[in-house]
Amino acid sequence: MTDTRHLNQIDLSRRLGVSHRTLERWRWQGVGPAFLKIGGRVKYRLQDVESFELSRICRSTADEYRFSDQPEISA
């Protein structure tokens, strides 16, 4: 059996540079990285965090990722 590394929301907020409240909102909206809820505590598997990060890679500012619930900004 392999060891799976887990991050709590404080560790993940530091890694991503967002507040823990943002992570809470993402969980509520279903738009952030996948998470586990174990004994009332939220944990993020490192492999899920890395997959989330890879899905957000952009090559230009025109590629900016938007969560599906955010409206498009029209000029």
N, C-alpha and C. Protein backbone atom coordinates (compact mmCIF):
# COMPACT_ATOMS: atom_id res chain seq x y z
N MET A 1 0.84 -1.18 0.00
CA MET A 1 0.00 0.00 0.00
C MET A 1 0.89 1.25 0.00
N THR A 2 0.55 2.22 -0.83
CA THR A 2 1.36 3.43 -0.90
C THR A 2 0.82 4.46 0.08
N ASP A 3 1.70 5.30 0.57
CA ASP A 3 1.30 6.38 1.45
C ASP A 3 0.73 7.52 0.61
N THR A 4 -0.44 8.01 1.00
CA THR A 4 -1.05 9.14 0.34
C THR A 4 -0.88 10.35 1.23
N ARG A 5 -0.32 11.40 0.68
CA ARG A 5 -0.13 12.62 1.45
C ARG A 5 -1.40 13.45 1.40
N HIS A 6 -1.77 13.99 2.55
CA HIS A 6 -2.96 14.83 2.66
C HIS A 6 -2.59 16.22 3.14
N LEU A 7 -3.35 17.21 2.70
CA LEU A 7 -3.19 18.59 3.14
C LEU A 7 -4.49 19.01 3.82
N ASN A 8 -4.37 19.81 4.88
CA ASN A 8 -5.57 20.41 5.44
C ASN A 8 -5.82 21.73 4.72
N GLN A 9 -6.92 22.41 5.07
CA GLN A 9 -7.24 23.62 4.30
C GLN A 9 -6.26 24.76 4.56
N ILE A 10 -5.62 24.80 5.70
CA ILE A 10 -4.62 25.84 5.96
C ILE A 10 -3.39 25.60 5.07
N ASP A 11 -2.92 24.34 5.03
CA ASP A 11 -1.78 24.00 4.16
C ASP A 11 -2.10 24.32 2.70
N LEU A 12 -3.31 23.96 2.26
CA LEU A 12 -3.67 24.19 0.87
C LEU A 12 -3.85 25.67 0.58
N SER A 13 -4.40 26.42 1.51
CA SER A 13 -4.56 27.86 1.27
C SER A 13 -3.20 28.52 1.09
N ARG A 14 -2.21 28.09 1.86
CA ARG A 14 -0.85 28.62 1.69
C ARG A 14 -0.27 28.21 0.34
N ARG A 15 -0.47 26.97 -0.03
CA ARG A 15 0.07 26.47 -1.30
C ARG A 15 -0.50 27.22 -2.50
N LEU A 16 -1.82 27.47 -2.47
CA LEU A 16 -2.48 28.12 -3.60
C LEU A 16 -2.50 29.64 -3.51
N GLY A 17 -2.19 30.17 -2.33
CA GLY A 17 -2.20 31.62 -2.16
C GLY A 17 -3.60 32.21 -2.08
N VAL A 18 -4.54 31.42 -1.56
CA VAL A 18 -5.91 31.89 -1.35
C VAL A 18 -6.25 31.71 0.12
N SER A 19 -7.30 32.36 0.57
CA SER A 19 -7.68 32.24 1.97
C SER A 19 -8.41 30.91 2.21
N HIS A 20 -8.44 30.51 3.49
CA HIS A 20 -9.18 29.28 3.81
C HIS A 20 -10.67 29.48 3.58
N ARG A 21 -11.14 30.71 3.65
CA ARG A 21 -12.55 31.01 3.36
C ARG A 21 -12.85 30.77 1.88
N THR A 22 -11.88 31.08 1.02
CA THR A 22 -12.06 30.81 -0.41
C THR A 22 -12.20 29.31 -0.64
N LEU A 23 -11.38 28.52 0.03
CA LEU A 23 -11.49 27.06 -0.09
C LEU A 23 -12.86 26.58 0.39
N GLU A 24 -13.34 27.15 1.49
CA GLU A 24 -14.66 26.79 1.99
C GLU A 24 -15.74 27.12 0.96
N ARG A 25 -15.65 28.28 0.33
CA ARG A 25 -16.61 28.68 -0.69
C ARG A 25 -16.53 27.74 -1.89
N TRP A 26 -15.30 27.42 -2.32
CA TRP A 26 -15.13 26.50 -3.44
C TRP A 26 -15.78 25.15 -3.15
N ARG A 27 -15.61 24.65 -1.90
CA ARG A 27 -16.23 23.37 -1.55
C ARG A 27 -17.75 23.47 -1.64
N TRP A 28 -18.29 24.57 -1.14
CA TRP A 28 -19.74 24.78 -1.17
C TRP A 28 -20.24 24.86 -2.61
N GLN A 29 -19.46 25.53 -3.47
CA GLN A 29 -19.84 25.68 -4.88
C GLN A 29 -19.49 24.46 -5.72
N GLY A 30 -18.63 23.59 -5.20
CA GLY A 30 -18.22 22.41 -5.94
C GLY A 30 -17.24 22.71 -7.06
N VAL A 31 -16.41 23.75 -6.90
CA VAL A 31 -15.52 24.15 -7.98
C VAL A 31 -14.03 23.99 -7.69
N GLY A 32 -13.65 23.71 -6.48
CA GLY A 32 -12.23 23.59 -6.13
C GLY A 32 -11.75 22.17 -6.30
N PRO A 33 -10.58 21.88 -5.74
CA PRO A 33 -10.06 20.51 -5.82
C PRO A 33 -10.93 19.54 -5.02
N ALA A 34 -10.93 18.29 -5.45
CA ALA A 34 -11.67 17.25 -4.73
C ALA A 34 -11.13 17.16 -3.30
N PHE A 35 -12.01 16.78 -2.38
CA PHE A 35 -11.60 16.71 -0.98
C PHE A 35 -12.24 15.50 -0.30
N LEU A 36 -11.69 15.15 0.83
CA LEU A 36 -12.23 14.09 1.67
C LEU A 36 -12.78 14.72 2.94
N LYS A 37 -13.83 14.16 3.46
CA LYS A 37 -14.33 14.60 4.75
C LYS A 37 -14.26 13.39 5.67
N ILE A 38 -13.37 13.47 6.65
CA ILE A 38 -13.10 12.35 7.55
C ILE A 38 -13.31 12.84 8.98
N GLY A 39 -14.29 12.26 9.65
CA GLY A 39 -14.55 12.64 11.03
C GLY A 39 -14.83 14.12 11.21
N GLY A 40 -15.50 14.73 10.24
CA GLY A 40 -15.82 16.14 10.32
C GLY A 40 -14.69 17.06 9.89
N ARG A 41 -13.56 16.49 9.53
CA ARG A 41 -12.41 17.29 9.08
C ARG A 41 -12.25 17.15 7.57
N VAL A 42 -11.84 18.24 6.94
CA VAL A 42 -11.63 18.25 5.49
C VAL A 42 -10.15 18.02 5.22
N LYS A 43 -9.88 17.09 4.31
CA LYS A 43 -8.51 16.80 3.87
C LYS A 43 -8.49 16.78 2.35
N TYR A 44 -7.36 17.21 1.80
CA TYR A 44 -7.16 17.19 0.35
C TYR A 44 -6.01 16.24 0.04
N ARG A 45 -6.25 15.28 -0.86
CA ARG A 45 -5.16 14.40 -1.29
C ARG A 45 -4.24 15.18 -2.21
N LEU A 46 -2.94 15.01 -2.02
CA LEU A 46 -1.97 15.73 -2.83
C LEU A 46 -2.20 15.48 -4.32
N GLN A 47 -2.52 14.26 -4.71
CA GLN A 47 -2.73 13.96 -6.13
C GLN A 47 -3.93 14.74 -6.68
N ASP A 48 -4.96 14.96 -5.88
CA ASP A 48 -6.11 15.74 -6.34
C ASP A 48 -5.74 17.22 -6.47
N VAL A 49 -4.93 17.72 -5.54
CA VAL A 49 -4.48 19.11 -5.60
C VAL A 49 -3.64 19.33 -6.85
N GLU A 50 -2.73 18.40 -7.11
CA GLU A 50 -1.87 18.53 -8.30
C GLU A 50 -2.69 18.46 -9.58
N SER A 51 -3.71 17.61 -9.63
CA SER A 51 -4.59 17.53 -10.80
C SER A 51 -5.34 18.84 -10.99
N PHE A 52 -5.83 19.41 -9.89
CA PHE A 52 -6.51 20.70 -9.94
C PHE A 52 -5.58 21.77 -10.49
N GLU A 53 -4.35 21.81 -9.99
CA GLU A 53 -3.38 22.79 -10.46
C GLU A 53 -3.10 22.62 -11.95
N LEU A 54 -2.91 21.38 -12.40
CA LEU A 54 -2.64 21.13 -13.81
C LEU A 54 -3.80 21.56 -14.70
N SER A 55 -5.02 21.42 -14.19
CA SER A 55 -6.19 21.80 -14.99
C SER A 55 -6.31 23.31 -15.15
N ARG A 56 -5.53 24.07 -14.39
CA ARG A 56 -5.60 25.53 -14.43
C ARG A 56 -4.42 26.17 -15.16
N ILE A 57 -3.59 25.37 -15.81
CA ILE A 57 -2.44 25.92 -16.54
C ILE A 57 -2.93 26.71 -17.74
N CYS A 58 -2.40 27.93 -17.88
CA CYS A 58 -2.75 28.81 -18.99
C CYS A 58 -1.48 29.17 -19.76
N ARG A 59 -1.64 29.45 -21.03
CA ARG A 59 -0.51 29.86 -21.87
C ARG A 59 -0.52 31.36 -22.14
N SER A 60 -1.66 31.99 -21.95
CA SER A 60 -1.76 33.44 -22.12
C SER A 60 -2.89 33.94 -21.24
N THR A 61 -2.99 35.26 -21.11
CA THR A 61 -4.08 35.81 -20.30
C THR A 61 -5.44 35.56 -20.93
N ALA A 62 -5.46 35.31 -22.24
CA ALA A 62 -6.71 34.98 -22.92
C ALA A 62 -7.22 33.60 -22.49
N ASP A 63 -6.33 32.77 -21.95
CA ASP A 63 -6.71 31.43 -21.49
C ASP A 63 -7.18 31.41 -20.05
N GLU A 64 -7.39 32.57 -19.45
CA GLU A 64 -7.74 32.63 -18.04
C GLU A 64 -8.91 31.69 -17.73
N TYR A 65 -8.73 30.89 -16.70
CA TYR A 65 -9.76 29.94 -16.30
C TYR A 65 -10.83 30.66 -15.52
N ARG A 66 -12.07 30.35 -15.82
CA ARG A 66 -13.20 30.88 -15.07
C ARG A 66 -14.01 29.69 -14.57
N PHE A 67 -14.43 29.76 -13.31
CA PHE A 67 -15.33 28.74 -12.81
C PHE A 67 -16.64 28.85 -13.56
N SER A 68 -17.29 27.74 -13.76
CA SER A 68 -18.49 27.71 -14.60
C SER A 68 -19.61 28.58 -14.05
N ASP A 69 -19.62 28.89 -12.76
CA ASP A 69 -20.69 29.70 -12.20
C ASP A 69 -20.42 31.20 -12.31
N GLN A 70 -19.27 31.59 -12.84
CA GLN A 70 -18.96 33.01 -12.97
C GLN A 70 -19.37 33.48 -14.35
N PRO A 71 -20.05 34.61 -14.43
CA PRO A 71 -20.49 35.10 -15.74
C PRO A 71 -19.31 35.61 -16.56
N GLU A 72 -19.46 35.52 -17.87
CA GLU A 72 -18.47 36.09 -18.77
C GLU A 72 -18.58 37.60 -18.71
N ILE A 73 -17.47 38.28 -18.80
CA ILE A 73 -17.46 39.74 -18.79
C ILE A 73 -17.42 40.21 -20.24
N SER A 74 -18.42 40.96 -20.65
CA SER A 74 -18.44 41.44 -22.02
C SER A 74 -18.07 42.91 -22.05
N ALA A 75 -17.42 43.30 -23.14
CA ALA A 75 -16.95 44.70 -23.26
C ALA A 75 -18.03 45.59 -23.79
